[in-house]
N, C-alpha and C. Protein backbone atom coordinates (compact mmCIF):
# COMPACT_ATOMS: atom_id res chain seq x y z
N MET A 1 93.74 67.37 88.16
CA MET A 1 94.54 68.17 87.24
C MET A 1 94.08 69.59 87.22
N SER A 2 94.99 70.50 87.14
CA SER A 2 94.57 71.94 87.13
C SER A 2 94.00 72.24 85.72
N GLY A 3 94.49 71.72 84.56
CA GLY A 3 93.87 72.14 83.39
C GLY A 3 94.47 73.43 82.82
N GLY A 4 94.02 73.73 81.63
CA GLY A 4 94.51 75.02 81.03
C GLY A 4 96.00 75.28 80.98
N LEU A 5 96.30 76.46 80.89
CA LEU A 5 97.78 76.88 80.83
C LEU A 5 98.48 76.42 82.02
N LEU A 6 98.00 76.54 83.20
CA LEU A 6 98.69 76.18 84.45
C LEU A 6 98.92 74.68 84.43
N GLY A 7 97.90 73.89 84.03
CA GLY A 7 98.14 72.47 84.03
C GLY A 7 99.11 72.03 83.00
N ALA A 8 99.09 72.68 81.89
CA ALA A 8 100.15 72.34 80.83
C ALA A 8 101.45 72.74 81.24
N ALA A 9 101.66 73.88 81.92
CA ALA A 9 102.93 74.32 82.40
C ALA A 9 103.45 73.37 83.41
N GLN A 10 102.65 72.90 84.26
CA GLN A 10 103.01 71.95 85.36
C GLN A 10 103.32 70.59 84.72
N GLU A 11 102.53 70.17 83.66
CA GLU A 11 102.90 68.86 83.06
C GLU A 11 104.23 68.92 82.33
N ARG A 12 104.53 70.09 81.79
CA ARG A 12 105.69 70.22 80.92
C ARG A 12 106.97 70.48 81.81
N ALA A 13 106.83 71.33 82.80
CA ALA A 13 108.01 71.79 83.53
C ALA A 13 107.84 71.57 85.11
N GLY A 14 106.87 70.82 85.51
CA GLY A 14 106.68 70.71 87.02
C GLY A 14 106.45 71.93 87.77
N ARG A 15 107.24 71.98 88.83
CA ARG A 15 107.09 73.19 89.76
C ARG A 15 107.54 74.42 89.10
N VAL A 16 108.60 74.27 88.20
CA VAL A 16 109.11 75.45 87.43
C VAL A 16 108.06 76.05 86.61
N GLY A 17 107.19 75.17 85.88
CA GLY A 17 106.16 75.66 85.16
C GLY A 17 105.06 76.37 85.90
N GLY A 18 104.64 75.80 87.07
CA GLY A 18 103.69 76.33 87.85
C GLY A 18 104.09 77.61 88.45
N GLY A 19 105.40 77.62 88.74
CA GLY A 19 105.99 78.93 89.37
C GLY A 19 106.08 79.98 88.28
N ALA A 20 106.33 79.68 87.06
CA ALA A 20 106.37 80.67 86.04
C ALA A 20 104.96 81.27 85.78
N TYR A 21 103.97 80.41 85.88
CA TYR A 21 102.55 80.80 85.59
C TYR A 21 102.23 81.80 86.80
N ALA A 22 102.58 81.42 88.02
CA ALA A 22 102.33 82.30 89.13
C ALA A 22 102.92 83.59 89.07
N PHE A 23 104.24 83.57 88.78
CA PHE A 23 105.13 84.67 88.73
C PHE A 23 104.56 85.74 87.70
N LEU A 24 104.29 85.26 86.55
CA LEU A 24 103.83 86.14 85.49
C LEU A 24 102.46 86.84 85.73
N LEU A 25 101.59 85.96 86.29
CA LEU A 25 100.20 86.50 86.58
C LEU A 25 100.18 87.38 87.83
N CYS A 26 100.81 86.98 88.83
CA CYS A 26 100.93 87.81 90.11
C CYS A 26 101.58 89.21 89.73
N LEU A 27 102.65 89.11 88.82
CA LEU A 27 103.30 90.35 88.52
C LEU A 27 102.25 91.31 87.73
N ALA A 28 101.54 90.72 86.74
CA ALA A 28 100.67 91.50 85.93
C ALA A 28 99.42 92.04 86.79
N VAL A 29 98.82 91.25 87.64
CA VAL A 29 97.75 91.69 88.38
C VAL A 29 98.15 92.82 89.50
N LEU A 30 99.24 92.52 90.15
CA LEU A 30 99.67 93.54 91.13
C LEU A 30 100.25 94.87 90.42
N ALA A 31 100.85 94.66 89.37
CA ALA A 31 101.25 95.85 88.60
C ALA A 31 100.05 96.73 88.15
N ALA A 32 98.97 95.99 87.78
CA ALA A 32 97.79 96.73 87.30
C ALA A 32 97.13 97.48 88.55
N ALA A 33 97.10 96.80 89.68
CA ALA A 33 96.62 97.55 90.91
C ALA A 33 97.52 98.63 91.30
N GLY A 34 98.80 98.48 91.15
CA GLY A 34 99.68 99.59 91.41
C GLY A 34 99.43 100.79 90.48
N LEU A 35 99.27 100.42 89.22
CA LEU A 35 99.12 101.50 88.22
C LEU A 35 97.84 102.23 88.60
N ALA A 36 96.72 101.47 88.87
CA ALA A 36 95.53 102.13 89.25
C ALA A 36 95.72 103.02 90.46
N ALA A 37 96.57 102.61 91.37
CA ALA A 37 96.82 103.35 92.60
C ALA A 37 97.41 104.71 92.29
N LEU A 38 98.36 104.62 91.40
CA LEU A 38 99.13 105.79 90.91
C LEU A 38 98.08 106.88 90.21
N LEU A 39 97.30 106.22 89.27
CA LEU A 39 96.48 107.13 88.55
C LEU A 39 95.37 107.73 89.41
N LEU A 40 94.77 107.01 90.40
CA LEU A 40 93.70 107.50 91.16
C LEU A 40 94.20 108.08 92.45
N ARG A 41 95.40 107.90 92.85
CA ARG A 41 96.00 108.37 94.04
C ARG A 41 95.13 107.80 95.28
N GLN A 42 95.00 106.51 95.22
CA GLN A 42 94.21 105.82 96.23
C GLN A 42 95.04 104.58 96.72
N PRO A 43 94.89 104.12 97.96
CA PRO A 43 95.61 102.96 98.46
C PRO A 43 94.93 101.64 97.87
N LEU A 44 95.25 101.49 96.60
CA LEU A 44 94.77 100.19 96.01
C LEU A 44 95.87 99.14 95.92
N LEU A 45 96.95 99.31 96.53
CA LEU A 45 98.00 98.29 96.65
C LEU A 45 98.40 98.22 98.13
N PHE A 46 98.11 97.11 98.75
CA PHE A 46 98.43 96.96 100.20
C PHE A 46 98.84 95.52 100.48
N PRO A 47 99.53 95.19 101.57
CA PRO A 47 100.01 93.85 101.81
C PRO A 47 99.20 92.66 101.53
N SER A 48 97.94 92.67 102.01
CA SER A 48 97.20 91.43 101.97
C SER A 48 96.68 91.06 100.65
N LEU A 49 96.90 92.01 99.64
CA LEU A 49 96.54 91.64 98.24
C LEU A 49 97.55 90.63 97.77
N GLY A 50 98.83 90.61 98.19
CA GLY A 50 99.84 89.72 97.83
C GLY A 50 99.35 88.23 97.97
N PRO A 51 99.06 87.88 99.18
CA PRO A 51 98.66 86.45 99.44
C PRO A 51 97.38 86.03 98.63
N THR A 52 96.49 87.05 98.48
CA THR A 52 95.34 86.73 97.76
C THR A 52 95.54 86.45 96.35
N VAL A 53 96.46 87.24 95.67
CA VAL A 53 96.76 86.90 94.32
C VAL A 53 97.53 85.68 94.22
N MET A 54 98.40 85.44 95.13
CA MET A 54 99.13 84.14 95.17
C MET A 54 98.30 82.94 95.05
N LEU A 55 97.24 83.00 95.88
CA LEU A 55 96.26 81.87 96.02
C LEU A 55 95.51 81.76 94.59
N PHE A 56 95.26 82.78 93.99
CA PHE A 56 94.53 82.77 92.58
C PHE A 56 95.42 81.96 91.71
N PHE A 57 96.73 82.15 91.67
CA PHE A 57 97.56 81.75 90.66
C PHE A 57 98.47 80.42 91.02
N GLU A 58 98.71 80.26 92.33
CA GLU A 58 99.39 79.15 92.67
C GLU A 58 98.43 77.94 92.87
N THR A 59 97.26 78.21 93.60
CA THR A 59 96.40 77.04 93.89
C THR A 59 94.95 77.50 93.62
N PRO A 60 94.58 77.81 92.33
CA PRO A 60 93.31 78.41 91.97
C PRO A 60 92.09 77.47 92.40
N ARG A 61 92.35 76.12 92.56
CA ARG A 61 91.21 75.24 92.84
C ARG A 61 90.93 75.11 94.36
N GLN A 62 91.85 75.75 95.27
CA GLN A 62 91.51 75.69 96.60
C GLN A 62 90.28 76.57 96.93
N ARG A 63 89.61 76.12 97.92
CA ARG A 63 88.35 76.92 98.42
C ARG A 63 88.71 78.41 98.73
N SER A 64 89.91 78.56 99.37
CA SER A 64 90.27 79.91 99.89
C SER A 64 90.68 80.83 98.71
N ALA A 65 90.79 80.31 97.46
CA ALA A 65 91.03 81.04 96.20
C ALA A 65 89.77 81.44 95.54
N ALA A 66 88.56 80.89 95.91
CA ALA A 66 87.34 81.18 95.36
C ALA A 66 86.97 82.66 95.43
N PRO A 67 86.52 83.28 94.47
CA PRO A 67 86.16 84.71 94.49
C PRO A 67 85.15 85.02 95.60
N ARG A 68 84.10 84.17 95.84
CA ARG A 68 83.22 84.34 96.93
C ARG A 68 83.87 84.55 98.23
N ASN A 69 84.80 83.64 98.45
CA ASN A 69 85.57 83.60 99.75
C ASN A 69 86.50 84.84 99.84
N THR A 70 87.10 85.27 98.73
CA THR A 70 87.97 86.35 98.77
C THR A 70 87.15 87.65 98.96
N LEU A 71 86.03 87.86 98.35
CA LEU A 71 85.37 89.09 98.58
C LEU A 71 84.69 89.09 99.99
N LEU A 72 84.11 87.91 100.41
CA LEU A 72 83.55 87.96 101.86
C LEU A 72 84.63 88.15 102.80
N GLY A 73 85.79 87.45 102.65
CA GLY A 73 86.89 87.40 103.52
C GLY A 73 87.40 88.88 103.84
N HIS A 74 87.67 89.55 102.79
CA HIS A 74 88.29 90.93 102.91
C HIS A 74 87.20 91.95 103.38
N GLY A 75 85.94 91.65 102.92
CA GLY A 75 84.87 92.62 103.37
C GLY A 75 84.60 92.47 104.90
N VAL A 76 84.60 91.26 105.32
CA VAL A 76 84.49 91.04 106.76
C VAL A 76 85.63 91.58 107.50
N ALA A 77 86.80 91.42 106.99
CA ALA A 77 88.10 91.91 107.61
C ALA A 77 87.96 93.42 107.81
N LEU A 78 87.58 94.15 106.74
CA LEU A 78 87.44 95.56 106.73
C LEU A 78 86.52 96.09 107.86
N LEU A 79 85.34 95.46 107.89
CA LEU A 79 84.31 95.76 108.92
C LEU A 79 84.80 95.48 110.26
N ALA A 80 85.46 94.36 110.49
CA ALA A 80 85.93 93.93 111.85
C ALA A 80 86.98 94.87 112.28
N GLY A 81 87.95 95.25 111.42
CA GLY A 81 89.07 96.15 111.83
C GLY A 81 88.49 97.50 112.23
N ALA A 82 87.55 98.05 111.36
CA ALA A 82 86.97 99.41 111.70
C ALA A 82 86.19 99.36 113.08
N ALA A 83 85.41 98.23 113.25
CA ALA A 83 84.60 98.17 114.48
C ALA A 83 85.55 98.08 115.72
N CYS A 84 86.63 97.41 115.65
CA CYS A 84 87.53 97.29 116.77
C CYS A 84 88.22 98.52 116.95
N LEU A 85 88.55 99.31 115.97
CA LEU A 85 89.17 100.73 116.10
C LEU A 85 88.22 101.65 116.94
N VAL A 86 86.95 101.54 116.54
CA VAL A 86 85.95 102.34 117.37
C VAL A 86 85.72 101.80 118.85
N ALA A 87 85.66 100.44 118.88
CA ALA A 87 85.37 99.90 120.24
C ALA A 87 86.46 100.18 121.23
N PHE A 88 87.72 100.32 120.74
CA PHE A 88 88.82 100.56 121.60
C PHE A 88 89.27 102.00 121.63
N GLY A 89 88.49 102.87 121.01
CA GLY A 89 88.70 104.22 121.14
C GLY A 89 89.88 104.72 120.33
N LEU A 90 90.22 104.13 119.22
CA LEU A 90 91.42 104.36 118.45
C LEU A 90 91.16 105.02 117.10
N ALA A 91 89.98 105.50 116.78
CA ALA A 91 89.63 105.86 115.63
C ALA A 91 90.41 107.12 115.17
N ASP A 92 90.78 108.07 116.17
CA ASP A 92 91.54 109.18 115.79
C ASP A 92 93.00 109.14 116.24
N HIS A 93 93.43 107.93 116.58
CA HIS A 93 94.87 107.71 116.96
C HIS A 93 95.63 107.70 115.75
N PRO A 94 96.95 107.93 115.88
CA PRO A 94 97.86 107.74 114.79
C PRO A 94 98.18 106.19 114.62
N PRO A 95 98.77 105.70 113.54
CA PRO A 95 99.02 104.28 113.35
C PRO A 95 99.97 103.74 114.38
N VAL A 96 100.04 102.41 114.50
CA VAL A 96 101.00 101.83 115.53
C VAL A 96 102.35 102.19 115.31
N VAL A 97 102.67 102.37 114.08
CA VAL A 97 104.23 102.75 113.74
C VAL A 97 104.60 104.14 114.34
N GLN A 98 103.57 104.82 114.63
CA GLN A 98 103.90 106.17 115.17
C GLN A 98 103.68 106.15 116.69
N GLU A 99 102.53 105.58 117.06
CA GLU A 99 102.12 105.58 118.40
C GLU A 99 102.83 104.57 119.31
N GLY A 100 103.27 103.54 118.67
CA GLY A 100 103.70 102.34 119.40
C GLY A 100 102.59 101.38 119.80
N VAL A 101 103.04 100.31 120.28
CA VAL A 101 102.05 99.24 120.85
C VAL A 101 101.57 99.69 122.11
N THR A 102 100.26 99.71 122.23
CA THR A 102 99.57 99.89 123.55
C THR A 102 98.61 98.84 123.76
N ALA A 103 98.00 98.81 125.03
CA ALA A 103 97.11 97.77 125.50
C ALA A 103 95.85 97.80 124.60
N ALA A 104 95.41 99.08 124.34
CA ALA A 104 94.24 99.18 123.49
C ALA A 104 94.55 98.66 122.00
N ARG A 105 95.68 99.12 121.44
CA ARG A 105 95.98 98.60 120.15
C ARG A 105 96.11 97.12 120.12
N THR A 106 96.75 96.52 121.12
CA THR A 106 96.82 95.12 121.11
C THR A 106 95.44 94.38 121.04
N GLY A 107 94.58 94.94 121.99
CA GLY A 107 93.23 94.35 122.06
C GLY A 107 92.56 94.50 120.78
N ALA A 108 92.51 95.70 120.08
CA ALA A 108 91.99 95.87 118.74
C ALA A 108 92.47 94.91 117.81
N ALA A 109 93.68 94.81 117.80
CA ALA A 109 94.46 93.91 116.64
C ALA A 109 93.97 92.43 116.91
N ALA A 110 94.05 92.03 118.20
CA ALA A 110 93.81 90.58 118.43
C ALA A 110 92.24 90.34 118.26
N LEU A 111 91.40 91.19 118.66
CA LEU A 111 90.03 90.94 118.51
C LEU A 111 89.54 91.10 117.03
N SER A 112 90.13 91.98 116.27
CA SER A 112 89.88 92.05 114.90
C SER A 112 90.06 90.80 114.05
N VAL A 113 91.24 90.20 114.29
CA VAL A 113 91.55 88.90 113.77
C VAL A 113 90.63 87.78 114.16
N ALA A 114 90.43 87.82 115.57
CA ALA A 114 89.51 86.71 116.14
C ALA A 114 88.09 86.82 115.42
N LEU A 115 87.56 88.05 115.38
CA LEU A 115 86.20 88.30 114.82
C LEU A 115 86.21 87.77 113.32
N THR A 116 87.30 88.18 112.64
CA THR A 116 87.30 87.85 111.26
C THR A 116 87.25 86.24 111.05
N ALA A 117 88.12 85.72 111.88
CA ALA A 117 88.13 84.18 111.85
C ALA A 117 86.84 83.56 112.16
N LEU A 118 86.19 84.02 113.15
CA LEU A 118 84.83 83.56 113.65
C LEU A 118 83.85 83.73 112.50
N VAL A 119 83.74 84.95 112.03
CA VAL A 119 82.66 85.10 111.01
C VAL A 119 82.91 84.34 109.76
N LEU A 120 84.06 84.24 109.23
CA LEU A 120 84.50 83.52 108.09
C LEU A 120 84.24 82.07 108.29
N LYS A 121 84.46 81.55 109.53
CA LYS A 121 84.16 80.05 109.80
C LYS A 121 82.66 79.87 109.79
N LEU A 122 81.94 80.84 110.32
CA LEU A 122 80.46 80.71 110.21
C LEU A 122 79.89 80.73 108.95
N LEU A 123 80.46 81.55 108.03
CA LEU A 123 79.97 81.76 106.69
C LEU A 123 80.61 80.61 105.84
N ASP A 124 81.46 79.82 106.35
CA ASP A 124 82.12 78.70 105.60
C ASP A 124 82.85 79.31 104.39
N ALA A 125 83.56 80.43 104.71
CA ALA A 125 84.32 81.14 103.61
C ALA A 125 85.74 81.32 103.87
N PRO A 126 86.56 80.37 103.94
CA PRO A 126 88.00 80.48 104.34
C PRO A 126 88.70 81.33 103.38
N HIS A 127 89.46 82.38 103.92
CA HIS A 127 90.36 83.27 103.15
C HIS A 127 91.38 83.75 104.06
N PRO A 128 92.52 83.14 104.33
CA PRO A 128 93.47 83.53 105.40
C PRO A 128 93.98 84.89 105.15
N PRO A 129 94.25 85.33 103.92
CA PRO A 129 94.72 86.78 103.77
C PRO A 129 93.92 87.85 104.42
N ALA A 130 92.65 87.52 104.70
CA ALA A 130 91.78 88.44 105.26
C ALA A 130 92.29 88.86 106.73
N GLY A 131 92.97 87.95 107.25
CA GLY A 131 93.56 88.26 108.71
C GLY A 131 94.63 89.48 108.56
N ALA A 132 95.22 89.55 107.38
CA ALA A 132 96.28 90.70 107.23
C ALA A 132 95.46 91.98 106.93
N THR A 133 94.40 91.87 106.21
CA THR A 133 93.53 93.18 105.87
C THR A 133 93.00 93.69 107.27
N THR A 134 92.45 92.86 108.06
CA THR A 134 91.84 93.46 109.42
C THR A 134 92.98 94.08 110.15
N LEU A 135 94.14 93.49 110.15
CA LEU A 135 95.28 94.08 110.98
C LEU A 135 95.69 95.47 110.35
N ILE A 136 95.72 95.56 109.05
CA ILE A 136 96.02 96.84 108.41
C ILE A 136 95.13 97.98 109.04
N VAL A 137 93.79 97.55 109.14
CA VAL A 137 92.84 98.57 109.78
C VAL A 137 93.01 98.72 111.25
N SER A 138 92.95 97.62 111.95
CA SER A 138 93.00 97.80 113.40
C SER A 138 94.32 98.30 113.95
N LEU A 139 95.40 98.15 113.15
CA LEU A 139 96.61 98.76 113.65
C LEU A 139 96.80 100.21 113.17
N GLY A 140 95.79 100.68 112.55
CA GLY A 140 95.75 102.17 112.20
C GLY A 140 96.47 102.57 111.00
N ILE A 141 96.81 101.70 110.10
CA ILE A 141 97.54 101.93 108.92
C ILE A 141 96.75 102.67 107.83
N LEU A 142 95.55 102.01 107.58
CA LEU A 142 94.54 102.59 106.69
C LEU A 142 93.28 102.57 107.40
N THR A 143 92.62 103.82 107.76
CA THR A 143 91.53 103.77 108.55
C THR A 143 90.37 104.73 108.14
N SER A 144 90.57 105.67 107.26
CA SER A 144 89.51 106.57 106.88
C SER A 144 88.51 105.80 106.03
N ALA A 145 87.29 106.35 106.00
CA ALA A 145 86.14 105.73 105.18
C ALA A 145 86.65 105.61 103.75
N ALA A 146 87.28 106.69 103.19
CA ALA A 146 87.83 106.71 101.83
C ALA A 146 88.77 105.61 101.59
N GLU A 147 89.68 105.39 102.63
CA GLU A 147 90.69 104.34 102.50
C GLU A 147 90.07 103.00 102.49
N LEU A 148 89.07 102.85 103.33
CA LEU A 148 88.52 101.53 103.47
C LEU A 148 87.76 101.19 102.20
N VAL A 149 87.07 102.19 101.66
CA VAL A 149 86.28 102.00 100.26
C VAL A 149 87.38 101.63 99.29
N ALA A 150 88.46 102.31 99.22
CA ALA A 150 89.52 102.09 98.18
C ALA A 150 90.06 100.64 98.37
N MET A 151 90.22 100.24 99.69
CA MET A 151 90.73 98.91 99.89
C MET A 151 89.67 97.79 99.29
N GLY A 152 88.50 98.12 99.53
CA GLY A 152 87.39 97.12 99.05
C GLY A 152 87.44 97.10 97.49
N GLY A 153 87.64 98.30 96.86
CA GLY A 153 87.68 98.43 95.49
C GLY A 153 88.84 97.66 94.94
N ALA A 154 90.06 97.74 95.67
CA ALA A 154 91.19 97.06 95.13
C ALA A 154 90.99 95.51 95.24
N VAL A 155 90.34 95.02 96.30
CA VAL A 155 90.08 93.66 96.39
C VAL A 155 89.19 93.17 95.24
N VAL A 156 88.14 93.92 94.90
CA VAL A 156 87.31 93.67 93.68
C VAL A 156 88.18 93.69 92.43
N LEU A 157 89.04 94.67 92.30
CA LEU A 157 89.80 94.79 91.09
C LEU A 157 90.64 93.52 90.88
N VAL A 158 91.51 93.09 91.97
CA VAL A 158 92.41 91.98 91.71
C VAL A 158 91.64 90.66 91.61
N THR A 159 90.47 90.69 92.21
CA THR A 159 89.62 89.38 92.02
C THR A 159 89.18 89.31 90.70
N VAL A 160 88.60 90.43 90.14
CA VAL A 160 88.10 90.30 88.68
C VAL A 160 89.28 90.06 87.68
N LEU A 161 90.36 90.70 87.92
CA LEU A 161 91.52 90.39 87.07
C LEU A 161 91.98 89.05 87.13
N GLY A 162 92.09 88.51 88.39
CA GLY A 162 92.63 87.19 88.64
C GLY A 162 91.72 86.02 88.00
N VAL A 163 90.38 86.24 88.23
CA VAL A 163 89.50 85.20 87.74
C VAL A 163 89.48 85.32 86.19
N ALA A 164 89.41 86.60 85.62
CA ALA A 164 89.43 86.69 84.14
C ALA A 164 90.73 86.09 83.63
N LEU A 165 91.79 86.36 84.12
CA LEU A 165 93.09 85.77 83.54
C LEU A 165 93.06 84.22 83.63
N ASN A 166 92.70 83.69 84.75
CA ASN A 166 92.69 82.15 84.85
C ASN A 166 91.57 81.61 83.78
N ARG A 167 90.48 82.27 83.69
CA ARG A 167 89.49 81.80 82.72
C ARG A 167 90.02 81.87 81.27
N LEU A 168 90.61 83.08 80.98
CA LEU A 168 91.12 83.26 79.67
C LEU A 168 92.17 82.27 79.28
N LEU A 169 92.94 81.89 80.31
CA LEU A 169 94.04 80.82 80.01
C LEU A 169 93.57 79.37 80.30
N GLY A 170 92.32 79.20 80.54
CA GLY A 170 91.74 77.89 80.56
C GLY A 170 91.98 77.17 81.91
N THR A 171 92.39 77.96 82.96
CA THR A 171 92.72 77.36 84.27
C THR A 171 91.39 77.35 85.09
N PRO A 172 90.91 76.23 85.55
CA PRO A 172 89.68 76.24 86.36
C PRO A 172 89.88 77.00 87.67
N GLN A 173 88.90 77.83 87.99
CA GLN A 173 88.90 78.41 89.36
C GLN A 173 87.47 78.52 89.68
N PRO A 174 87.00 77.71 90.68
CA PRO A 174 85.55 77.84 91.05
C PRO A 174 85.21 79.32 91.51
N LEU A 175 84.06 79.66 91.07
CA LEU A 175 83.53 80.98 91.40
C LEU A 175 82.95 80.99 92.81
N TRP A 176 82.36 79.86 93.33
CA TRP A 176 81.80 79.77 94.66
C TRP A 176 82.84 79.09 95.54
N ASP A 177 82.87 77.76 95.46
CA ASP A 177 84.00 77.04 96.04
C ASP A 177 84.00 75.72 95.34
N ASP A 178 85.06 74.91 95.59
CA ASP A 178 85.27 73.68 94.76
C ASP A 178 84.27 72.67 94.99
N ARG A 179 83.64 72.63 96.13
CA ARG A 179 82.53 71.58 96.50
C ARG A 179 81.34 71.79 95.60
N ARG A 180 80.87 73.16 95.54
CA ARG A 180 79.69 73.36 94.79
C ARG A 180 79.95 73.40 93.24
N ASP A 181 81.05 74.19 92.88
CA ASP A 181 81.32 74.12 91.42
C ASP A 181 81.76 72.81 90.79
N GLY A 182 82.43 72.09 91.69
CA GLY A 182 82.92 70.72 91.26
C GLY A 182 81.79 69.79 90.94
N ALA A 183 80.71 69.89 91.80
CA ALA A 183 79.56 69.02 91.63
C ALA A 183 78.80 69.30 90.40
N ARG A 184 78.86 70.57 89.89
CA ARG A 184 78.32 70.86 88.45
C ARG A 184 79.23 70.55 87.36
N GLY A 185 80.37 70.39 87.64
CA GLY A 185 81.41 70.03 86.55
C GLY A 185 81.53 68.52 86.38
N ASN A 186 82.73 68.02 86.71
CA ASN A 186 83.04 66.66 86.36
C ASN A 186 82.64 65.72 87.61
N GLY A 187 82.18 66.36 88.71
CA GLY A 187 81.66 65.55 89.85
C GLY A 187 82.72 65.25 90.81
N SER A 188 84.00 65.72 90.55
CA SER A 188 85.14 65.39 91.40
C SER A 188 85.45 66.67 92.12
N THR A 189 85.57 66.60 93.46
CA THR A 189 85.93 67.84 94.22
C THR A 189 87.28 67.70 94.85
N ARG A 190 87.95 66.60 94.52
CA ARG A 190 89.15 66.33 95.16
C ARG A 190 90.26 67.00 94.35
N SER A 191 91.20 67.73 95.04
CA SER A 191 92.24 68.32 94.31
C SER A 191 93.52 67.53 94.20
N THR A 192 94.20 67.56 93.06
CA THR A 192 95.38 66.85 92.86
C THR A 192 96.61 67.57 93.43
N SER A 193 97.82 66.94 93.32
CA SER A 193 98.95 67.59 93.84
C SER A 193 99.30 68.81 92.97
N ALA A 194 98.87 68.77 91.68
CA ALA A 194 99.08 69.91 90.79
C ALA A 194 98.16 71.00 91.19
N ASP A 195 96.94 70.80 91.54
CA ASP A 195 96.14 71.84 92.12
C ASP A 195 96.62 72.50 93.25
N ARG A 196 97.23 71.70 94.16
CA ARG A 196 97.66 72.22 95.46
C ARG A 196 99.06 72.90 95.30
N GLY A 197 99.67 72.77 94.17
CA GLY A 197 100.93 73.36 93.98
C GLY A 197 102.05 72.43 94.50
N ASP A 198 101.84 71.14 94.83
CA ASP A 198 102.84 70.31 95.35
C ASP A 198 103.86 69.92 94.36
């Protein structure tokens, strides 16, 4: 069982209740990131934050929603994307939407996702939205050091807000992952259909 407000909403109204929980909290967290982006004039709102926040509020008990995996995932993705830009000589090129798809851009994009997947598997830290983050960089959309730092800051911001809201509303969300945190809790690491959002 999910527990907290999410569990109560799902017990009371099924998928509609769980959907309402996800809707309201995704709206709040991404609006906060957008407001911060406006105030600071930094790229603190970008596509891969969407699926990250959805994981937090649709399926908070999943390993991929754990803050540890979120932070590692996007961190690895940013580094892999930047490394592939340099490796393929694309650091000073315009983004793919201006330059078009080239062999070098294809190589950088494919390798950045492959590297991200490999490293996250080795770290046992699944977080699929990281695949989109590394593409944002390797496709040349956000590439400067300042932009990469801002992206990292945005990931930290939405993670802190997401975890804080779930905790405030009594919704369990493992900080590390469900296997380790579950062992310290009630001893069960199996997720129910409510946890998975089924």
